[in-house]
Amino acid sequence: MNTYKTAEIAYRIGIHPNTVRLYEKLGLIPKPKREANGYRVFTDFHIEQFKFARTALKVEVLQNGLRKQVINIIKTSAVQDFDRAIFLTDRYLHQIKREQRNAEEAITITERLLSGENQETGNVLFTRKKTADHLQITMDALRNWEMNGLLTVKRKKNGYRVYTNEDIRRLKIVRSLRCANYSQAAILRMLNALSNDPETDIREVINTPKENDDIISVCDKLLTSLQYAEKNAGIMITHLAKMKKQFIPNPTL
């Protein structure tokens, strides 16, 4: 097996030598052996493990512990427990698919609410607390959504907020999309687009940040990000199988 010094492996991977040391410190690669002079000695396995870790870390989807799962997969591969790493990646892939289903279901619920299906009748006025209880959300969540422009609430003459049936419908849309991990920015973008054009394709607009948005998070383009995460997980499984065959004698797949 070939051996490499820190600078050599950094050059081959295309990273800074300090990044090599950071990966070692975090347990994302196995600790390399050292020569008598203290220099680290890396192997072909380190190179493949670096490639695998960098592939895995390309995914930016963070919700529901997905990032933590990725780190665990990388560390498991680093100790050459490839069977376990493949199992964990397969479980990770299944969760990504669940997240995709949740995201699509939230779109379907939004379309149904926008169509007026099951719309509450009457002109009921709710207080903030009653609205939070009715929607089974916290008052802090409700307050946060209002502060971020997802809802503009009317007030009585005494200054108290009142929520109408239309407000409740809008809040149900927000709740459904937030539960599926769409960002508040993406939801606001969709709601604004619908205000301008009720025929807007909500799946398209909620997944497409504006060109002039200063900061774009992965949840501002959730559908695309989850599709990329699914594809990336498949690449991870293939890479793990390759490393198992290369570095474990007579592997049984």
C-alpha atoms as a PDB file:
ATOM      1  CA  MET A   1       0.000   0.000   0.000  1.00  0.00           C
ATOM      2  CA  ASN A   2       1.285   3.465  -0.885  1.00  0.00           C
ATOM      3  CA  THR A   3       2.133   5.962   1.847  1.00  0.00           C
ATOM      4  CA  TYR A   4       1.891   9.753   1.897  1.00  0.00           C
ATOM      5  CA  LYS A   5       2.951  12.664   4.058  1.00  0.00           C
ATOM      6  CA  THR A   6       0.512  15.319   5.221  1.00  0.00           C
ATOM      7  CA  ALA A   7       1.377  17.758   2.438  1.00  0.00           C
ATOM      8  CA  GLU A   8       1.152  15.020  -0.186  1.00  0.00           C
ATOM      9  CA  ILE A   9      -2.287  13.820   0.856  1.00  0.00           C
ATOM     10  CA  ALA A  10      -3.525  17.410   1.139  1.00  0.00           C
ATOM     11  CA  TYR A  11      -2.363  18.047  -2.431  1.00  0.00           C
ATOM     12  CA  ARG A  12      -3.989  14.864  -3.744  1.00  0.00           C
ATOM     13  CA  ILE A  13      -7.338  15.651  -2.099  1.00  0.00           C
ATOM     14  CA  GLY A  14      -7.150  19.368  -2.875  1.00  0.00           C
ATOM     15  CA  ILE A  15      -7.363  20.645   0.696  1.00  0.00           C
ATOM     16  CA  HIS A  16      -5.158  22.583   3.118  1.00  0.00           C
ATOM     17  CA  PRO A  17      -2.841  20.526   5.381  1.00  0.00           C
ATOM     18  CA  ASN A  18      -4.656  21.995   8.378  1.00  0.00           C
ATOM     19  CA  THR A  19      -7.857  20.403   7.083  1.00  0.00           C
ATOM     20  CA  VAL A  20      -6.113  17.030   7.084  1.00  0.00           C
ATOM     21  CA  ARG A  21      -5.272  17.509  10.760  1.00  0.00           C
ATOM     22  CA  LEU A  22      -8.829  18.672  11.505  1.00  0.00           C
ATOM     23  CA  TYR A  23     -10.343  15.544   9.931  1.00  0.00           C
ATOM     24  CA  GLU A  24      -7.995  13.452  12.061  1.00  0.00           C
ATOM     25  CA  LYS A  25      -8.942  15.377  15.215  1.00  0.00           C
ATOM     26  CA  LEU A  26     -12.667  14.925  14.507  1.00  0.00           C
ATOM     27  CA  GLY A  27     -12.307  11.201  13.865  1.00  0.00           C
ATOM     28  CA  LEU A  28     -13.392  11.457  10.237  1.00  0.00           C
ATOM     29  CA  ILE A  29     -10.252   9.560   9.197  1.00  0.00           C
ATOM     30  CA  PRO A  30      -8.244   7.023  11.205  1.00  0.00           C
ATOM     31  CA  LYS A  31      -5.239   8.281  13.096  1.00  0.00           C
ATOM     32  CA  PRO A  32      -2.201   7.811  10.851  1.00  0.00           C
ATOM     33  CA  LYS A  33       0.933   6.068  12.047  1.00  0.00           C
ATOM     34  CA  ARG A  34       3.950   8.252  12.736  1.00  0.00           C
ATOM     35  CA  GLU A  35       7.561   7.943  11.710  1.00  0.00           C
ATOM     36  CA  ALA A  36      10.362   8.207  14.255  1.00  0.00           C
ATOM     37  CA  ASN A  37      10.629  11.931  13.524  1.00  0.00           C
ATOM     38  CA  GLY A  38       6.917  12.380  14.320  1.00  0.00           C
ATOM     39  CA  TYR A  39       5.738  12.880  10.746  1.00  0.00           C
ATOM     40  CA  ARG A  40       2.325  11.410   9.967  1.00  0.00           C
ATOM     41  CA  VAL A  41       2.154   8.554   7.469  1.00  0.00           C
ATOM     42  CA  PHE A  42      -1.061   8.234   5.477  1.00  0.00           C
ATOM     43  CA  THR A  43      -2.154   5.368   3.223  1.00  0.00           C
ATOM     44  CA  ASP A  44      -4.395   4.716   0.235  1.00  0.00           C
ATOM     45  CA  PHE A  45      -7.230   4.053   2.675  1.00  0.00           C
ATOM     46  CA  HIS A  46      -6.870   7.581   4.066  1.00  0.00           C
ATOM     47  CA  ILE A  47      -7.251   8.960   0.556  1.00  0.00           C
ATOM     48  CA  GLU A  48     -10.429   6.973  -0.084  1.00  0.00           C
ATOM     49  CA  GLN A  49     -11.796   7.862   3.351  1.00  0.00           C
ATOM     50  CA  PHE A  50     -11.131  11.549   2.684  1.00  0.00           C
ATOM     51  CA  LYS A  51     -12.995  11.270  -0.624  1.00  0.00           C
ATOM     52  CA  PHE A  52     -15.873   9.509   1.076  1.00  0.00           C
ATOM     53  CA  ALA A  53     -16.097  12.072   3.887  1.00  0.00           C
ATOM     54  CA  ARG A  54     -16.064  14.987   1.477  1.00  0.00           C
ATOM     55  CA  THR A  55     -18.798  13.353  -0.606  1.00  0.00           C
ATOM     56  CA  ALA A  56     -20.939  12.763   2.473  1.00  0.00           C
ATOM     57  CA  LEU A  57     -20.440  16.315   3.766  1.00  0.00           C
ATOM     58  CA  LYS A  58     -21.582  17.873   0.486  1.00  0.00           C
ATOM     59  CA  VAL A  59     -25.166  17.420   1.652  1.00  0.00           C
ATOM     60  CA  GLU A  60     -26.421  20.430   3.602  1.00  0.00           C
ATOM     61  CA  VAL A  61     -29.762  19.047   4.766  1.00  0.00           C
ATOM     62  CA  LEU A  62     -29.657  19.323   8.545  1.00  0.00           C
ATOM     63  CA  GLN A  63     -33.163  18.676   9.856  1.00  0.00           C
ATOM     64  CA  ASN A  64     -34.201  15.837  12.142  1.00  0.00           C
ATOM     65  CA  GLY A  65     -30.676  14.662  12.898  1.00  0.00           C
ATOM     66  CA  LEU A  66     -29.644  13.976   9.296  1.00  0.00           C
ATOM     67  CA  ARG A  67     -26.321  15.782   9.676  1.00  0.00           C
ATOM     68  CA  LYS A  68     -25.541  13.846  12.844  1.00  0.00           C
ATOM     69  CA  GLN A  69     -26.244  10.613  10.978  1.00  0.00           C
ATOM     70  CA  VAL A  70     -23.793  11.594   8.230  1.00  0.00           C
ATOM     71  CA  ILE A  71     -21.031  12.241  10.768  1.00  0.00           C
ATOM     72  CA  ASN A  72     -21.705   8.869  12.391  1.00  0.00           C
ATOM     73  CA  ILE A  73     -21.499   7.136   9.011  1.00  0.00           C
ATOM     74  CA  ILE A  74     -18.152   8.780   8.243  1.00  0.00           C
ATOM     75  CA  LYS A  75     -16.700   7.826  11.629  1.00  0.00           C
ATOM     76  CA  THR A  76     -17.922   4.244  11.219  1.00  0.00           C
ATOM     77  CA  SER A  77     -16.247   4.014   7.821  1.00  0.00           C
ATOM     78  CA  ALA A  78     -13.049   5.482   9.298  1.00  0.00           C
ATOM     79  CA  VAL A  79     -12.642   2.383  11.510  1.00  0.00           C
ATOM     80  CA  GLN A  80     -13.331   0.172   8.459  1.00  0.00           C
ATOM     81  CA  ASP A  81     -16.624  -1.148   9.781  1.00  0.00           C
ATOM     82  CA  PHE A  82     -18.044  -1.005   6.277  1.00  0.00           C
ATOM     83  CA  ASP A  83     -21.016  -3.302   6.846  1.00  0.00           C
ATOM     84  CA  ARG A  84     -22.216  -1.062   9.660  1.00  0.00           C
ATOM     85  CA  ALA A  85     -21.540   2.073   7.608  1.00  0.00           C
ATOM     86  CA  ILE A  86     -23.566   0.686   4.683  1.00  0.00           C
ATOM     87  CA  PHE A  87     -26.423  -0.195   7.044  1.00  0.00           C
ATOM     88  CA  LEU A  88     -26.385   3.316   8.545  1.00  0.00           C
ATOM     89  CA  THR A  89     -26.303   4.917   5.097  1.00  0.00           C
ATOM     90  CA  ASP A  90     -29.252   2.818   3.962  1.00  0.00           C
ATOM     91  CA  ARG A  91     -31.182   3.965   7.059  1.00  0.00           C
ATOM     92  CA  TYR A  92     -30.140   7.554   6.337  1.00  0.00           C
ATOM     93  CA  LEU A  93     -31.426   7.186   2.767  1.00  0.00           C
ATOM     94  CA  HIS A  94     -34.786   5.922   4.021  1.00  0.00           C
ATOM     95  CA  GLN A  95     -35.128   8.960   6.289  1.00  0.00           C
ATOM     96  CA  ILE A  96     -34.349  11.286   3.381  1.00  0.00           C
ATOM     97  CA  LYS A  97     -37.164   9.621   1.441  1.00  0.00           C
ATOM     98  CA  ARG A  98     -39.498  10.150   4.414  1.00  0.00           C
ATOM     99  CA  GLU A  99     -38.519  13.819   4.465  1.00  0.00           C
ATOM    100  CA  GLN A 100     -39.329  13.998   0.745  1.00  0.00           C
ATOM    101  CA  ARG A 101     -42.753  12.468   1.333  1.00  0.00           C
ATOM    102  CA  ASN A 102     -43.404  14.932   4.161  1.00  0.00           C
ATOM    103  CA  ALA A 103     -42.387  17.849   1.936  1.00  0.00           C
ATOM    104  CA  GLU A 104     -44.657  16.688  -0.879  1.00  0.00           C
ATOM    105  CA  GLU A 105     -47.533  16.001   1.502  1.00  0.00           C
ATOM    106  CA  ALA A 106     -47.244  19.542   2.883  1.00  0.00           C
ATOM    107  CA  ILE A 107     -47.593  20.891  -0.657  1.00  0.00           C
ATOM    108  CA  THR A 108     -50.708  18.764  -1.155  1.00  0.00           C
ATOM    109  CA  ILE A 109     -52.201  20.022   2.124  1.00  0.00           C
ATOM    110  CA  THR A 110     -51.410  23.593   1.091  1.00  0.00           C
ATOM    111  CA  GLU A 111     -53.152  23.121  -2.256  1.00  0.00           C
ATOM    112  CA  ARG A 112     -56.199  21.701  -0.494  1.00  0.00           C
ATOM    113  CA  LEU A 113     -56.346  24.587   1.980  1.00  0.00           C
ATOM    114  CA  LEU A 114     -55.953  27.129  -0.796  1.00  0.00           C
ATOM    115  CA  SER A 115     -58.820  25.528  -2.682  1.00  0.00           C
ATOM    116  CA  GLY A 116     -61.110  26.213   0.286  1.00  0.00           C
ATOM    117  CA  GLU A 117     -61.637  22.531   1.063  1.00  0.00           C
ATOM    118  CA  ASN A 118     -62.817  22.010   4.670  1.00  0.00           C
ATOM    119  CA  GLN A 119     -62.788  25.759   5.159  1.00  0.00           C
ATOM    120  CA  GLU A 120     -64.345  26.891   8.415  1.00  0.00           C
ATOM    121  CA  THR A 121     -67.515  28.923   8.072  1.00  0.00           C
ATOM    122  CA  GLY A 122     -68.670  31.906  10.059  1.00  0.00           C
ATOM    123  CA  ASN A 123     -66.832  35.018  11.045  1.00  0.00           C
ATOM    124  CA  VAL A 124     -65.180  33.820  14.252  1.00  0.00           C
ATOM    125  CA  LEU A 125     -62.582  36.059  15.886  1.00  0.00           C
ATOM    126  CA  PHE A 126     -59.911  34.281  17.930  1.00  0.00           C
ATOM    127  CA  THR A 127     -57.461  35.677  20.457  1.00  0.00           C
ATOM    128  CA  ARG A 128     -53.767  34.811  20.073  1.00  0.00           C
ATOM    129  CA  LYS A 129     -53.969  32.177  22.824  1.00  0.00           C
ATOM    130  CA  LYS A 130     -57.117  30.604  21.399  1.00  0.00           C
ATOM    131  CA  THR A 131     -55.528  30.594  17.941  1.00  0.00           C
ATOM    132  CA  ALA A 132     -52.393  28.883  19.262  1.00  0.00           C
ATOM    133  CA  ASP A 133     -54.506  26.298  21.108  1.00  0.00           C
ATOM    134  CA  HIS A 134     -56.724  25.725  18.074  1.00  0.00           C
ATOM    135  CA  LEU A 135     -53.703  25.098  15.834  1.00  0.00           C
ATOM    136  CA  GLN A 136     -51.813  23.190  18.543  1.00  0.00           C
ATOM    137  CA  ILE A 137     -48.762  25.414  18.255  1.00  0.00           C
ATOM    138  CA  THR A 138     -46.985  27.531  20.842  1.00  0.00           C
ATOM    139  CA  MET A 139     -47.662  31.226  21.219  1.00  0.00           C
ATOM    140  CA  ASP A 140     -43.939  31.779  20.647  1.00  0.00           C
ATOM    141  CA  ALA A 141     -44.193  30.070  17.252  1.00  0.00           C
ATOM    142  CA  LEU A 142     -47.224  32.176  16.371  1.00  0.00           C
ATOM    143  CA  ARG A 143     -45.466  35.348  17.472  1.00  0.00           C
ATOM    144  CA  ASN A 144     -42.362  34.391  15.484  1.00  0.00           C
ATOM    145  CA  TRP A 145     -44.369  33.807  12.292  1.00  0.00           C
ATOM    146  CA  GLU A 146     -45.990  37.196  12.662  1.00  0.00           C
ATOM    147  CA  MET A 147     -42.657  38.930  13.282  1.00  0.00           C
ATOM    148  CA  ASN A 148     -41.283  37.352  10.094  1.00  0.00           C
ATOM    149  CA  GLY A 149     -44.156  38.606   7.967  1.00  0.00           C
ATOM    150  CA  LEU A 150     -46.018  35.334   7.446  1.00  0.00           C
ATOM    151  CA  LEU A 151     -49.190  36.916   8.797  1.00  0.00           C
ATOM    152  CA  THR A 152     -50.399  40.463   9.415  1.00  0.00           C
ATOM    153  CA  VAL A 153     -52.881  40.420  12.276  1.00  0.00           C
ATOM    154  CA  LYS A 154     -55.742  42.840  12.733  1.00  0.00           C
ATOM    155  CA  ARG A 155     -56.266  44.552  16.075  1.00  0.00           C
ATOM    156  CA  LYS A 156     -59.307  45.686  18.013  1.00  0.00           C
ATOM    157  CA  LYS A 157     -59.610  49.256  19.212  1.00  0.00           C
ATOM    158  CA  ASN A 158     -58.134  48.172  22.548  1.00  0.00           C
ATOM    159  CA  GLY A 159     -55.018  46.922  20.741  1.00  0.00           C
ATOM    160  CA  TYR A 160     -55.661  43.204  21.189  1.00  0.00           C
ATOM    161  CA  ARG A 161     -54.962  40.982  18.195  1.00  0.00           C
ATOM    162  CA  VAL A 162     -57.831  39.093  16.604  1.00  0.00           C
ATOM    163  CA  TYR A 163     -57.540  36.213  14.162  1.00  0.00           C
ATOM    164  CA  THR A 164     -60.169  35.579  11.492  1.00  0.00           C
ATOM    165  CA  ASN A 165     -61.037  32.368   9.656  1.00  0.00           C
ATOM    166  CA  GLU A 166     -58.859  33.544   6.793  1.00  0.00           C
ATOM    167  CA  ASP A 167     -55.971  34.031   9.223  1.00  0.00           C
ATOM    168  CA  ILE A 168     -56.506  30.519  10.587  1.00  0.00           C
ATOM    169  CA  ARG A 169     -56.417  29.074   7.072  1.00  0.00           C
ATOM    170  CA  ARG A 170     -53.177  30.929   6.328  1.00  0.00           C
ATOM    171  CA  LEU A 171     -51.672  29.750   9.607  1.00  0.00           C
ATOM    172  CA  LYS A 172     -52.613  26.148   8.840  1.00  0.00           C
ATOM    173  CA  ILE A 173     -50.656  26.479   5.602  1.00  0.00           C
ATOM    174  CA  VAL A 174     -47.660  27.881   7.463  1.00  0.00           C
ATOM    175  CA  ARG A 175     -47.875  25.158  10.126  1.00  0.00           C
ATOM    176  CA  SER A 176     -48.005  22.364   7.564  1.00  0.00           C
ATOM    177  CA  LEU A 177     -45.034  23.699   5.591  1.00  0.00           C
ATOM    178  CA  ARG A 178     -42.968  24.426   8.699  1.00  0.00           C
ATOM    179  CA  CYS A 179     -43.602  20.885  10.001  1.00  0.00           C
ATOM    180  CA  ALA A 180     -42.133  19.633   6.722  1.00  0.00           C
ATOM    181  CA  ASN A 181     -39.066  21.888   7.306  1.00  0.00           C
ATOM    182  CA  TYR A 182     -39.669  24.484   4.612  1.00  0.00           C
ATOM    183  CA  SER A 183     -37.965  27.711   5.663  1.00  0.00           C
ATOM    184  CA  GLN A 184     -39.962  30.759   6.690  1.00  0.00           C
ATOM    185  CA  ALA A 185     -38.354  32.645   3.799  1.00  0.00           C
ATOM    186  CA  ALA A 186     -39.595  30.026   1.312  1.00  0.00           C
ATOM    187  CA  ILE A 187     -43.097  30.082   2.787  1.00  0.00           C
ATOM    188  CA  LEU A 188     -43.235  33.889   2.697  1.00  0.00           C
ATOM    189  CA  ARG A 189     -42.023  33.826  -0.914  1.00  0.00           C
ATOM    190  CA  MET A 190     -44.855  31.443  -1.802  1.00  0.00           C
ATOM    191  CA  LEU A 191     -47.531  33.424   0.071  1.00  0.00           C
ATOM    192  CA  ASN A 192     -46.441  36.679  -1.563  1.00  0.00           C
ATOM    193  CA  ALA A 193     -46.469  35.061  -4.986  1.00  0.00           C
ATOM    194  CA  LEU A 194     -49.999  33.759  -4.386  1.00  0.00           C
ATOM    195  CA  SER A 195     -51.136  37.237  -3.368  1.00  0.00           C
ATOM    196  CA  ASN A 196     -49.954  38.549  -6.723  1.00  0.00           C
ATOM    197  CA  ASP A 197     -51.154  35.576  -8.750  1.00  0.00           C
ATOM    198  CA  PRO A 198     -53.542  32.957  -7.278  1.00  0.00           C
ATOM    199  CA  GLU A 199     -52.611  30.612 -10.149  1.00  0.00           C
ATOM    200  CA  THR A 200     -48.954  30.494  -9.060  1.00  0.00           C
ATOM    201  CA  ASP A 201     -47.306  27.061  -9.143  1.00  0.00           C
ATOM    202  CA  ILE A 202     -46.638  26.771  -5.418  1.00  0.00           C
ATOM    203  CA  ARG A 203     -44.280  23.791  -5.782  1.00  0.00           C
ATOM    204  CA  GLU A 204     -42.101  25.815  -8.147  1.00  0.00           C
ATOM    205  CA  VAL A 205     -42.072  29.090  -6.241  1.00  0.00           C
ATOM    206  CA  ILE A 206     -41.486  27.573  -2.790  1.00  0.00           C
ATOM    207  CA  ASN A 207     -38.450  25.731  -4.150  1.00  0.00           C
ATOM    208  CA  THR A 208     -36.907  28.625  -6.094  1.00  0.00           C
ATOM    209  CA  PRO A 209     -35.238  31.489  -4.175  1.00  0.00           C
ATOM    210  CA  LYS A 210     -35.193  34.884  -5.827  1.00  0.00           C
ATOM    211  CA  GLU A 211     -31.993  36.011  -7.511  1.00  0.00           C
ATOM    212  CA  ASN A 212     -31.723  39.023  -5.220  1.00  0.00           C
ATOM    213  CA  ASP A 213     -32.034  37.037  -1.979  1.00  0.00           C
ATOM    214  CA  ASP A 214     -28.945  37.852   0.076  1.00  0.00           C
ATOM    215  CA  ILE A 215     -28.780  34.630   2.081  1.00  0.00           C
ATOM    216  CA  ILE A 216     -30.177  31.329   0.836  1.00  0.00           C
ATOM    217  CA  SER A 217     -30.432  28.334   3.157  1.00  0.00           C
ATOM    218  CA  VAL A 218     -30.893  24.735   2.095  1.00  0.00           C
ATOM    219  CA  CYS A 219     -34.501  24.823   3.367  1.00  0.00           C
ATOM    220  CA  ASP A 220     -35.217  27.713   0.976  1.00  0.00           C
ATOM    221  CA  LYS A 221     -34.960  25.083  -1.783  1.00  0.00           C
ATOM    222  CA  LEU A 222     -36.016  22.048   0.232  1.00  0.00           C
ATOM    223  CA  LEU A 223     -37.351  19.837  -2.566  1.00  0.00           C
ATOM    224  CA  THR A 224     -34.190  20.198  -4.653  1.00  0.00           C
ATOM    225  CA  SER A 225     -31.942  19.694  -1.620  1.00  0.00           C
ATOM    226  CA  LEU A 226     -33.685  16.468  -0.621  1.00  0.00           C
ATOM    227  CA  GLN A 227     -33.441  15.144  -4.179  1.00  0.00           C
ATOM    228  CA  TYR A 228     -29.715  15.888  -4.139  1.00  0.00           C
ATOM    229  CA  ALA A 229     -29.364  14.250  -0.713  1.00  0.00           C
ATOM    230  CA  GLU A 230     -31.044  11.082  -2.005  1.00  0.00           C
ATOM    231  CA  LYS A 231     -28.694  10.907  -4.982  1.00  0.00           C
ATOM    232  CA  ASN A 232     -25.684  11.581  -2.770  1.00  0.00           C
ATOM    233  CA  ALA A 233     -26.651   8.792  -0.354  1.00  0.00           C
ATOM    234  CA  GLY A 234     -26.633   6.351  -3.266  1.00  0.00           C
ATOM    235  CA  ILE A 235     -23.117   7.490  -4.180  1.00  0.00           C
ATOM    236  CA  MET A 236     -22.052   6.970  -0.549  1.00  0.00           C
ATOM    237  CA  ILE A 237     -23.307   3.378  -0.532  1.00  0.00           C
ATOM    238  CA  THR A 238     -21.438   2.630  -3.767  1.00  0.00           C
ATOM    239  CA  HIS A 239     -18.238   4.166  -2.370  1.00  0.00           C
ATOM    240  CA  LEU A 240     -18.497   2.160   0.849  1.00  0.00           C
ATOM    241  CA  ALA A 241     -18.927  -1.067  -1.090  1.00  0.00           C
ATOM    242  CA  LYS A 242     -15.866  -0.165  -3.152  1.00  0.00           C
ATOM    243  CA  MET A 243     -13.758   0.502  -0.043  1.00  0.00           C
ATOM    244  CA  LYS A 244     -14.911  -2.735   1.569  1.00  0.00           C
ATOM    245  CA  LYS A 245     -13.802  -4.675  -1.497  1.00  0.00           C
ATOM    246  CA  GLN A 246     -10.503  -2.798  -1.698  1.00  0.00           C
ATOM    247  CA  PHE A 247      -9.428  -2.795   1.942  1.00  0.00           C
ATOM    248  CA  ILE A 248     -11.068  -5.844   3.544  1.00  0.00           C
ATOM    249  CA  PRO A 249      -9.714  -9.233   2.387  1.00  0.00           C
ATOM    250  CA  ASN A 250     -12.412 -11.505   0.895  1.00  0.00           C
ATOM    251  CA  PRO A 251     -15.373  -9.264   1.792  1.00  0.00           C
ATOM    252  CA  THR A 252     -18.815 -10.821   1.856  1.00  0.00           C
ATOM    253  CA  LEU A 253     -21.330  -8.326   0.487  1.00  0.00           C
END
